[in-house]
N, C-alpha and C. Protein backbone atom coordinates (compact mmCIF):
# COMPACT_ATOMS: atom_id res chain seq x y z
N UNK A 1 95.41 54.73 -55.99
CA UNK A 1 96.28 53.56 -55.94
C UNK A 1 97.66 53.92 -55.37
N UNK A 2 98.23 55.01 -55.86
CA UNK A 2 99.55 55.43 -55.39
C UNK A 2 99.47 55.90 -53.94
N UNK A 3 98.36 56.56 -53.58
CA UNK A 3 98.21 57.03 -52.21
C UNK A 3 98.15 55.87 -51.23
N UNK A 4 97.46 54.80 -51.60
CA UNK A 4 97.39 53.62 -50.74
C UNK A 4 98.76 52.99 -50.57
N UNK A 5 99.53 52.94 -51.65
CA UNK A 5 100.88 52.37 -51.59
C UNK A 5 101.77 53.21 -50.68
N UNK A 6 101.67 54.52 -50.77
CA UNK A 6 102.49 55.40 -49.93
C UNK A 6 102.09 55.25 -48.46
N UNK A 7 100.81 55.17 -48.19
CA UNK A 7 100.35 55.00 -46.81
C UNK A 7 100.81 53.65 -46.25
N UNK A 8 100.70 52.59 -47.06
CA UNK A 8 101.17 51.28 -46.62
C UNK A 8 102.66 51.29 -46.34
N UNK A 9 103.41 51.95 -47.21
CA UNK A 9 104.86 52.02 -47.04
C UNK A 9 105.24 52.79 -45.78
N UNK A 10 104.59 53.92 -45.53
CA UNK A 10 104.87 54.70 -44.32
C UNK A 10 104.51 53.91 -43.06
N UNK A 11 103.38 53.23 -43.09
CA UNK A 11 102.98 52.40 -41.96
C UNK A 11 104.00 51.29 -41.70
N UNK A 12 104.49 50.70 -42.76
CA UNK A 12 105.49 49.65 -42.64
C UNK A 12 106.81 50.19 -42.09
N UNK A 13 107.23 51.35 -42.54
CA UNK A 13 108.47 51.95 -42.04
C UNK A 13 108.34 52.28 -40.56
N UNK A 14 107.23 52.86 -40.17
CA UNK A 14 107.02 53.20 -38.76
C UNK A 14 106.98 51.94 -37.91
N UNK A 15 106.32 50.92 -38.39
CA UNK A 15 106.26 49.65 -37.66
C UNK A 15 107.64 49.04 -37.51
N UNK A 16 108.44 49.11 -38.56
CA UNK A 16 109.78 48.52 -38.50
C UNK A 16 110.71 49.31 -37.59
N UNK A 17 110.52 50.62 -37.54
CA UNK A 17 111.38 51.44 -36.68
C UNK A 17 111.03 51.22 -35.21
N UNK A 18 109.75 51.25 -34.88
CA UNK A 18 109.35 51.17 -33.48
C UNK A 18 109.17 49.75 -32.97
N UNK A 19 109.00 48.82 -33.85
CA UNK A 19 108.90 47.42 -33.45
C UNK A 19 110.08 46.68 -34.08
N UNK A 20 110.03 45.41 -34.11
CA UNK A 20 111.12 44.65 -34.71
C UNK A 20 110.65 43.97 -35.98
N UNK A 21 111.54 43.17 -36.53
CA UNK A 21 111.22 42.41 -37.72
C UNK A 21 110.09 41.42 -37.44
N UNK A 22 110.01 40.97 -36.21
CA UNK A 22 108.98 40.01 -35.82
C UNK A 22 107.58 40.60 -35.93
N UNK A 23 107.45 41.91 -35.77
CA UNK A 23 106.17 42.58 -35.89
C UNK A 23 105.96 43.12 -37.30
N UNK A 24 107.01 43.68 -37.90
CA UNK A 24 106.85 44.35 -39.19
C UNK A 24 106.60 43.37 -40.34
N UNK A 25 107.08 42.16 -40.26
CA UNK A 25 106.85 41.20 -41.34
C UNK A 25 105.38 40.75 -41.39
N UNK A 26 104.76 40.40 -40.25
CA UNK A 26 103.33 40.08 -40.35
C UNK A 26 102.49 41.26 -40.84
N UNK A 27 102.87 42.47 -40.43
CA UNK A 27 102.15 43.65 -40.91
C UNK A 27 102.34 43.78 -42.42
N UNK A 28 103.57 43.56 -42.90
CA UNK A 28 103.84 43.67 -44.33
C UNK A 28 103.11 42.59 -45.12
N UNK A 29 103.06 41.38 -44.57
CA UNK A 29 102.34 40.30 -45.26
C UNK A 29 100.85 40.60 -45.30
N UNK A 30 100.34 41.22 -44.23
CA UNK A 30 98.92 41.56 -44.20
C UNK A 30 98.61 42.73 -45.15
N UNK A 31 99.53 43.68 -45.27
CA UNK A 31 99.28 44.86 -46.10
C UNK A 31 99.42 44.56 -47.59
N UNK A 32 100.47 43.84 -47.94
CA UNK A 32 100.73 43.57 -49.35
C UNK A 32 100.21 42.18 -49.70
N UNK A 33 99.80 42.00 -50.92
CA UNK A 33 99.21 40.74 -51.35
C UNK A 33 100.28 39.66 -51.46
N UNK A 34 101.42 39.99 -51.98
CA UNK A 34 102.48 39.00 -52.21
C UNK A 34 103.52 39.04 -51.09
N UNK A 35 103.96 37.87 -50.66
CA UNK A 35 104.92 37.78 -49.57
C UNK A 35 106.29 38.31 -49.98
N UNK A 36 106.66 38.18 -51.25
CA UNK A 36 108.00 38.61 -51.67
C UNK A 36 108.12 40.12 -51.68
N UNK A 37 107.01 40.85 -51.80
CA UNK A 37 107.07 42.31 -51.68
C UNK A 37 107.38 42.67 -50.23
N UNK A 38 106.76 41.96 -49.29
CA UNK A 38 107.04 42.19 -47.87
C UNK A 38 108.50 41.89 -47.55
N UNK A 39 109.01 40.81 -48.08
CA UNK A 39 110.41 40.45 -47.84
C UNK A 39 111.34 41.53 -48.40
N UNK A 40 111.05 42.02 -49.59
CA UNK A 40 111.90 43.04 -50.20
C UNK A 40 111.90 44.33 -49.37
N UNK A 41 110.73 44.76 -48.90
CA UNK A 41 110.67 45.98 -48.09
C UNK A 41 111.44 45.85 -46.80
N UNK A 42 111.22 44.77 -46.07
CA UNK A 42 111.88 44.59 -44.78
C UNK A 42 113.38 44.40 -44.97
N UNK A 43 113.77 43.67 -45.99
CA UNK A 43 115.19 43.45 -46.27
C UNK A 43 115.90 44.77 -46.57
N UNK A 44 115.28 45.61 -47.37
CA UNK A 44 115.88 46.91 -47.69
C UNK A 44 115.97 47.79 -46.44
N UNK A 45 114.93 47.76 -45.62
CA UNK A 45 114.98 48.56 -44.39
C UNK A 45 116.03 48.03 -43.41
N UNK A 46 116.21 46.72 -43.36
CA UNK A 46 117.26 46.16 -42.51
C UNK A 46 118.64 46.60 -42.98
N UNK A 47 118.87 46.54 -44.28
CA UNK A 47 120.19 46.93 -44.80
C UNK A 47 120.44 48.43 -44.66
N UNK A 48 119.38 49.22 -44.66
CA UNK A 48 119.55 50.67 -44.48
C UNK A 48 119.99 51.01 -43.06
N UNK A 49 119.74 50.12 -42.11
CA UNK A 49 120.13 50.36 -40.72
C UNK A 49 121.60 50.11 -40.47
N UNK A 50 122.22 49.26 -41.25
CA UNK A 50 123.59 48.82 -40.97
C UNK A 50 124.59 49.98 -40.91
N UNK A 51 124.62 50.90 -41.88
CA UNK A 51 125.59 52.01 -41.75
C UNK A 51 125.35 52.88 -40.51
N UNK A 52 124.09 53.04 -40.13
CA UNK A 52 123.79 53.82 -38.94
C UNK A 52 124.34 53.13 -37.70
N UNK A 53 124.15 51.82 -37.59
CA UNK A 53 124.66 51.08 -36.44
C UNK A 53 126.19 51.08 -36.41
N UNK A 54 126.82 50.92 -37.56
CA UNK A 54 128.28 50.98 -37.59
C UNK A 54 128.77 52.35 -37.15
N UNK A 55 128.08 53.40 -37.58
CA UNK A 55 128.46 54.74 -37.17
C UNK A 55 128.34 54.89 -35.66
N UNK A 56 127.27 54.35 -35.07
CA UNK A 56 127.08 54.44 -33.63
C UNK A 56 128.16 53.69 -32.86
N UNK A 57 128.58 52.54 -33.38
CA UNK A 57 129.59 51.76 -32.69
C UNK A 57 131.00 52.32 -32.87
N UNK A 58 131.27 52.96 -33.98
CA UNK A 58 132.61 53.44 -34.25
C UNK A 58 132.89 54.83 -33.69
N UNK A 59 131.87 55.60 -33.40
CA UNK A 59 132.10 56.95 -32.90
C UNK A 59 131.20 57.25 -31.71
N UNK A 60 131.47 56.61 -30.57
CA UNK A 60 130.59 56.83 -29.42
C UNK A 60 130.73 58.22 -28.80
N UNK A 61 131.87 58.89 -28.97
CA UNK A 61 132.04 60.21 -28.38
C UNK A 61 131.13 61.24 -29.02
N UNK A 62 130.84 61.09 -30.31
CA UNK A 62 129.99 62.04 -31.01
C UNK A 62 128.54 61.95 -30.55
N UNK A 63 128.19 60.83 -29.96
CA UNK A 63 126.80 60.61 -29.61
C UNK A 63 126.57 60.73 -28.11
N UNK A 64 127.58 61.16 -27.38
CA UNK A 64 127.46 61.23 -25.93
C UNK A 64 126.27 62.11 -25.52
N UNK A 65 126.09 63.22 -26.18
CA UNK A 65 124.99 64.13 -25.87
C UNK A 65 123.64 63.44 -26.09
N UNK A 66 123.52 62.73 -27.19
CA UNK A 66 122.27 62.03 -27.50
C UNK A 66 122.00 60.94 -26.47
N UNK A 67 123.02 60.22 -26.07
CA UNK A 67 122.84 59.14 -25.11
C UNK A 67 122.40 59.68 -23.75
N UNK A 68 122.93 60.82 -23.34
CA UNK A 68 122.52 61.43 -22.08
C UNK A 68 121.05 61.81 -22.14
N UNK A 69 120.64 62.39 -23.27
CA UNK A 69 119.24 62.76 -23.44
C UNK A 69 118.33 61.54 -23.44
N UNK A 70 118.76 60.46 -24.07
CA UNK A 70 117.96 59.23 -24.09
C UNK A 70 117.82 58.63 -22.70
N UNK A 71 118.90 58.69 -21.91
CA UNK A 71 118.82 58.18 -20.54
C UNK A 71 117.82 58.98 -19.71
N UNK A 72 117.87 60.29 -19.85
CA UNK A 72 116.92 61.13 -19.12
C UNK A 72 115.48 60.84 -19.54
N UNK A 73 115.28 60.66 -20.84
CA UNK A 73 113.96 60.35 -21.37
C UNK A 73 113.47 59.01 -20.83
N UNK A 74 114.39 58.02 -20.78
CA UNK A 74 114.04 56.70 -20.27
C UNK A 74 113.68 56.75 -18.79
N UNK A 75 114.41 57.56 -18.01
CA UNK A 75 114.11 57.69 -16.59
C UNK A 75 112.73 58.31 -16.40
N UNK A 76 112.41 59.33 -17.20
CA UNK A 76 111.09 59.94 -17.10
C UNK A 76 109.98 58.96 -17.46
N UNK A 77 110.18 58.20 -18.53
CA UNK A 77 109.18 57.21 -18.92
C UNK A 77 109.03 56.12 -17.87
N UNK A 78 110.13 55.73 -17.26
CA UNK A 78 110.08 54.70 -16.24
C UNK A 78 109.27 55.17 -15.03
N UNK A 79 109.42 56.45 -14.69
CA UNK A 79 108.64 57.00 -13.59
C UNK A 79 107.16 57.04 -13.93
N UNK A 80 106.86 57.36 -15.19
CA UNK A 80 105.46 57.46 -15.59
C UNK A 80 104.81 56.09 -15.65
N UNK A 81 105.44 55.16 -16.34
CA UNK A 81 104.82 53.86 -16.59
C UNK A 81 105.22 52.78 -15.61
N UNK A 82 106.35 52.96 -14.93
CA UNK A 82 106.88 51.97 -13.99
C UNK A 82 106.88 50.59 -14.63
N UNK A 83 107.63 50.50 -15.72
CA UNK A 83 107.70 49.26 -16.48
C UNK A 83 108.35 48.15 -15.66
N UNK A 84 108.00 46.94 -16.02
CA UNK A 84 108.62 45.78 -15.41
C UNK A 84 110.05 45.69 -15.93
N UNK A 85 110.97 45.53 -15.03
CA UNK A 85 112.38 45.48 -15.40
C UNK A 85 112.74 44.11 -15.97
N UNK A 86 113.77 44.11 -16.78
CA UNK A 86 114.28 42.84 -17.31
C UNK A 86 114.97 42.11 -16.17
N UNK A 87 114.63 40.86 -16.00
CA UNK A 87 115.20 40.09 -14.90
C UNK A 87 116.65 39.76 -15.18
N UNK A 88 117.33 39.42 -14.13
CA UNK A 88 118.75 39.07 -14.25
C UNK A 88 118.93 37.84 -15.13
N UNK A 89 118.00 36.91 -15.05
CA UNK A 89 118.07 35.71 -15.89
C UNK A 89 117.97 36.04 -17.37
N UNK A 90 117.07 36.97 -17.73
CA UNK A 90 116.95 37.39 -19.13
C UNK A 90 118.24 38.06 -19.61
N UNK A 91 118.79 38.91 -18.75
CA UNK A 91 120.03 39.60 -19.12
C UNK A 91 121.18 38.61 -19.28
N UNK A 92 121.26 37.63 -18.39
CA UNK A 92 122.31 36.62 -18.50
C UNK A 92 122.13 35.77 -19.76
N UNK A 93 120.87 35.45 -20.11
CA UNK A 93 120.62 34.67 -21.30
C UNK A 93 121.07 35.42 -22.55
N UNK A 94 120.80 36.73 -22.60
CA UNK A 94 121.22 37.53 -23.75
C UNK A 94 122.74 37.60 -23.84
N UNK A 95 123.41 37.75 -22.69
CA UNK A 95 124.88 37.79 -22.70
C UNK A 95 125.44 36.44 -23.13
N UNK A 96 124.83 35.36 -22.66
CA UNK A 96 125.26 34.02 -23.06
C UNK A 96 125.11 33.82 -24.56
N UNK A 97 124.03 34.34 -25.11
CA UNK A 97 123.78 34.22 -26.54
C UNK A 97 124.88 34.90 -27.34
N UNK A 98 125.26 36.11 -26.94
CA UNK A 98 126.33 36.81 -27.66
C UNK A 98 127.67 36.09 -27.50
N UNK A 99 127.95 35.54 -26.30
CA UNK A 99 129.21 34.83 -26.10
C UNK A 99 129.29 33.59 -26.98
N UNK A 100 128.18 32.84 -27.02
CA UNK A 100 128.18 31.62 -27.84
C UNK A 100 128.29 31.93 -29.32
N UNK A 101 127.59 32.95 -29.75
CA UNK A 101 127.67 33.31 -31.16
C UNK A 101 129.04 33.90 -31.49
N UNK A 102 129.71 34.49 -30.52
CA UNK A 102 131.07 34.98 -30.73
C UNK A 102 132.01 33.81 -31.06
N UNK A 103 131.75 32.66 -30.43
CA UNK A 103 132.55 31.46 -30.71
C UNK A 103 132.36 30.96 -32.13
N UNK A 104 131.15 31.11 -32.67
CA UNK A 104 130.87 30.65 -34.02
C UNK A 104 131.46 31.56 -35.09
N UNK A 105 131.85 32.76 -34.73
CA UNK A 105 132.47 33.68 -35.68
C UNK A 105 131.49 34.18 -36.72
N UNK A 106 131.83 33.98 -37.98
CA UNK A 106 131.01 34.50 -39.08
C UNK A 106 129.62 33.86 -39.10
N UNK A 107 129.54 32.58 -38.77
CA UNK A 107 128.23 31.93 -38.72
C UNK A 107 127.41 32.51 -37.57
N UNK A 108 128.08 32.95 -36.52
CA UNK A 108 127.39 33.58 -35.41
C UNK A 108 126.74 34.89 -35.81
N UNK A 109 127.41 35.64 -36.69
CA UNK A 109 126.83 36.89 -37.17
C UNK A 109 125.54 36.61 -37.93
N UNK A 110 125.56 35.60 -38.79
CA UNK A 110 124.35 35.24 -39.54
C UNK A 110 123.27 34.76 -38.58
N UNK A 111 123.65 33.94 -37.61
CA UNK A 111 122.68 33.39 -36.65
C UNK A 111 122.03 34.49 -35.82
N UNK A 112 122.84 35.41 -35.28
CA UNK A 112 122.30 36.49 -34.44
C UNK A 112 121.44 37.43 -35.27
N UNK A 113 121.85 37.72 -36.49
CA UNK A 113 121.07 38.61 -37.34
C UNK A 113 119.75 37.98 -37.73
N UNK A 114 119.73 36.68 -37.92
CA UNK A 114 118.51 36.00 -38.36
C UNK A 114 117.49 35.83 -37.24
N UNK A 115 117.91 35.95 -36.00
CA UNK A 115 116.97 35.76 -34.89
C UNK A 115 116.05 36.97 -34.76
N UNK A 116 114.75 36.78 -34.85
CA UNK A 116 113.84 37.91 -34.73
C UNK A 116 113.44 38.23 -33.29
N UNK A 117 114.02 37.53 -32.32
CA UNK A 117 113.61 37.71 -30.94
C UNK A 117 114.49 38.74 -30.23
N UNK A 118 114.22 38.94 -28.95
CA UNK A 118 114.99 39.85 -28.13
C UNK A 118 116.42 39.35 -28.03
N UNK A 119 117.37 40.21 -28.28
CA UNK A 119 118.77 39.82 -28.26
C UNK A 119 119.30 39.49 -29.64
N UNK A 120 118.47 39.46 -30.63
CA UNK A 120 118.89 39.18 -31.99
C UNK A 120 118.51 40.34 -32.89
N UNK A 121 118.80 40.20 -34.16
CA UNK A 121 118.44 41.24 -35.11
C UNK A 121 119.65 41.97 -35.64
N UNK A 122 119.39 43.03 -36.38
CA UNK A 122 120.46 43.76 -37.05
C UNK A 122 121.38 44.46 -36.06
N UNK A 123 120.81 45.05 -35.02
CA UNK A 123 121.62 45.78 -34.06
C UNK A 123 122.64 44.84 -33.42
N UNK A 124 122.21 43.69 -32.97
CA UNK A 124 123.11 42.72 -32.33
C UNK A 124 124.06 42.11 -33.33
N UNK A 125 123.61 41.89 -34.57
CA UNK A 125 124.49 41.35 -35.60
C UNK A 125 125.61 42.31 -35.94
N UNK A 126 125.30 43.59 -36.04
CA UNK A 126 126.33 44.59 -36.32
C UNK A 126 127.29 44.68 -35.14
N UNK A 127 126.75 44.61 -33.92
CA UNK A 127 127.61 44.64 -32.73
C UNK A 127 128.57 43.46 -32.75
N UNK A 128 128.08 42.27 -33.05
CA UNK A 128 128.94 41.10 -33.08
C UNK A 128 129.98 41.20 -34.19
N UNK A 129 129.58 41.68 -35.36
CA UNK A 129 130.55 41.86 -36.45
C UNK A 129 131.60 42.88 -36.07
N UNK A 130 131.19 43.92 -35.36
CA UNK A 130 132.14 44.95 -34.92
C UNK A 130 133.10 44.38 -33.88
N UNK A 131 132.58 43.58 -32.94
CA UNK A 131 133.43 42.97 -31.92
C UNK A 131 134.39 41.94 -32.51
N UNK A 132 133.96 41.25 -33.55
CA UNK A 132 134.84 40.28 -34.21
C UNK A 132 135.86 40.96 -35.13
N UNK A 133 135.70 42.27 -35.32
CA UNK A 133 136.57 43.06 -36.19
C UNK A 133 136.60 42.50 -37.61
N UNK A 134 135.42 42.18 -38.11
CA UNK A 134 135.30 41.69 -39.48
C UNK A 134 135.41 42.85 -40.45
N UNK A 135 135.87 42.55 -41.64
CA UNK A 135 135.90 43.54 -42.71
C UNK A 135 134.47 43.98 -43.00
N UNK A 136 134.29 45.27 -43.28
CA UNK A 136 132.92 45.79 -43.46
C UNK A 136 132.22 45.13 -44.64
N UNK A 137 132.93 44.89 -45.73
CA UNK A 137 132.29 44.25 -46.89
C UNK A 137 131.79 42.86 -46.53
N UNK A 138 132.65 42.12 -45.83
CA UNK A 138 132.28 40.77 -45.43
C UNK A 138 131.12 40.79 -44.44
N UNK A 139 131.18 41.73 -43.50
CA UNK A 139 130.11 41.80 -42.51
C UNK A 139 128.79 42.22 -43.15
N UNK A 140 128.82 43.10 -44.16
CA UNK A 140 127.60 43.48 -44.86
C UNK A 140 126.97 42.26 -45.53
N UNK A 141 127.80 41.41 -46.13
CA UNK A 141 127.28 40.20 -46.76
C UNK A 141 126.69 39.24 -45.73
N UNK A 142 127.38 39.08 -44.60
CA UNK A 142 126.88 38.20 -43.56
C UNK A 142 125.57 38.73 -42.95
N UNK A 143 125.53 40.04 -42.72
CA UNK A 143 124.31 40.64 -42.18
C UNK A 143 123.15 40.55 -43.16
N UNK A 144 123.46 40.74 -44.44
CA UNK A 144 122.42 40.63 -45.47
C UNK A 144 121.90 39.19 -45.55
N UNK A 145 122.80 38.22 -45.45
CA UNK A 145 122.38 36.82 -45.49
C UNK A 145 121.48 36.48 -44.30
N UNK A 146 121.85 36.94 -43.11
CA UNK A 146 121.03 36.68 -41.93
C UNK A 146 119.68 37.36 -42.01
N UNK A 147 119.67 38.59 -42.49
CA UNK A 147 118.41 39.32 -42.63
C UNK A 147 117.50 38.67 -43.66
N UNK A 148 118.06 38.30 -44.79
CA UNK A 148 117.27 37.65 -45.84
C UNK A 148 116.71 36.31 -45.36
N UNK A 149 117.52 35.55 -44.66
CA UNK A 149 117.07 34.26 -44.13
C UNK A 149 115.90 34.45 -43.16
N UNK A 150 116.04 35.40 -42.26
CA UNK A 150 114.98 35.66 -41.29
C UNK A 150 113.71 36.18 -41.96
N UNK A 151 113.88 37.10 -42.90
CA UNK A 151 112.72 37.65 -43.61
C UNK A 151 111.97 36.57 -44.38
N UNK A 152 112.71 35.70 -45.04
CA UNK A 152 112.06 34.63 -45.80
C UNK A 152 111.30 33.66 -44.90
N UNK A 153 111.94 33.25 -43.82
CA UNK A 153 111.29 32.30 -42.91
C UNK A 153 110.03 32.91 -42.30
N UNK A 154 110.14 34.15 -41.83
CA UNK A 154 108.98 34.78 -41.20
C UNK A 154 107.88 35.07 -42.21
N UNK A 155 108.24 35.57 -43.39
CA UNK A 155 107.22 35.91 -44.39
C UNK A 155 106.51 34.66 -44.90
N UNK A 156 107.26 33.61 -45.15
CA UNK A 156 106.62 32.38 -45.61
C UNK A 156 105.76 31.77 -44.52
N UNK A 157 106.23 31.86 -43.28
CA UNK A 157 105.43 31.34 -42.17
C UNK A 157 104.14 32.11 -41.98
N UNK A 158 104.24 33.42 -41.94
CA UNK A 158 103.04 34.23 -41.76
C UNK A 158 102.17 34.24 -43.01
N UNK A 159 102.78 34.12 -44.18
CA UNK A 159 101.99 33.99 -45.40
C UNK A 159 101.19 32.71 -45.41
N UNK A 160 101.78 31.63 -44.92
CA UNK A 160 101.06 30.36 -44.82
C UNK A 160 99.93 30.44 -43.82
N UNK A 161 100.17 31.10 -42.69
CA UNK A 161 99.11 31.27 -41.69
C UNK A 161 97.98 32.11 -42.27
N UNK A 162 98.33 33.17 -43.01
CA UNK A 162 97.32 34.03 -43.62
C UNK A 162 96.49 33.23 -44.64
N UNK A 163 97.16 32.42 -45.46
CA UNK A 163 96.45 31.62 -46.46
C UNK A 163 95.54 30.59 -45.78
N UNK A 164 96.01 30.01 -44.68
CA UNK A 164 95.21 29.03 -43.95
C UNK A 164 93.96 29.69 -43.36
N UNK A 165 94.11 30.86 -42.78
CA UNK A 165 92.96 31.57 -42.21
C UNK A 165 91.97 31.95 -43.31
N UNK A 166 92.48 32.42 -44.45
CA UNK A 166 91.59 32.78 -45.56
C UNK A 166 90.83 31.56 -46.07
N UNK A 167 91.49 30.42 -46.13
CA UNK A 167 90.84 29.19 -46.58
C UNK A 167 89.76 28.75 -45.59
N UNK A 168 90.05 28.87 -44.30
CA UNK A 168 89.06 28.51 -43.29
C UNK A 168 87.85 29.44 -43.37
N UNK A 169 88.11 30.74 -43.53
CA UNK A 169 87.01 31.70 -43.64
C UNK A 169 86.17 31.46 -44.89
N UNK A 170 86.83 31.11 -45.99
CA UNK A 170 86.12 30.82 -47.22
C UNK A 170 85.27 29.57 -47.06
N UNK A 171 85.80 28.55 -46.40
CA UNK A 171 85.07 27.32 -46.17
C UNK A 171 83.86 27.57 -45.26
N UNK A 172 84.05 28.36 -44.24
CA UNK A 172 82.95 28.66 -43.31
C UNK A 172 81.86 29.45 -44.03
N UNK A 173 82.25 30.41 -44.85
CA UNK A 173 81.24 31.23 -45.53
C UNK A 173 80.44 30.43 -46.57
N UNK A 174 81.05 29.41 -47.16
CA UNK A 174 80.34 28.59 -48.15
C UNK A 174 79.43 27.56 -47.50
N UNK A 175 79.78 27.10 -46.31
CA UNK A 175 78.99 26.05 -45.67
C UNK A 175 77.94 26.56 -44.70
N UNK A 176 78.01 27.82 -44.32
CA UNK A 176 77.06 28.32 -43.32
C UNK A 176 75.69 28.60 -43.97
N UNK A 177 74.62 28.13 -43.34
CA UNK A 177 73.28 28.40 -43.88
C UNK A 177 72.89 29.86 -43.63
N UNK A 178 72.34 30.49 -44.62
CA UNK A 178 71.95 31.90 -44.49
C UNK A 178 70.46 32.04 -44.53
């Protein structure tokens, strides 16, 4: 029992690190029986990222070596896979999103953090809070509110989809002639 829980937790952490909240919440809802356990795990992992992001934004000189290595790694991967580049329109849309949310101030931090799509999430929320020069305590509360809102909406949505699929499968299995 404990081994299964540890394996599920490690899988969830890896999924959250390499994917986003949009991927890790459905995985968490599928792995754990209750949706609120999934919300608690993802919420805790989101809040654990905030000090790391603040550190990255406040001390860019310390990370110069790491950033150079990441650029080299990205160039090598690009040569290998020749990924499709982000179009100028996508880049402009993301910049527009940050500009508009900058106008909203504190509500913009919650809005950007709650968005599970590209251009949203904890990284962008911390960046916006840093650019707005908000107090760290206040920004932690705003980021936590946005993360919790997003986790709840996604978990309840995917939990409902999971329950609907289970009900359909149960109905099909009871009505099918064997």
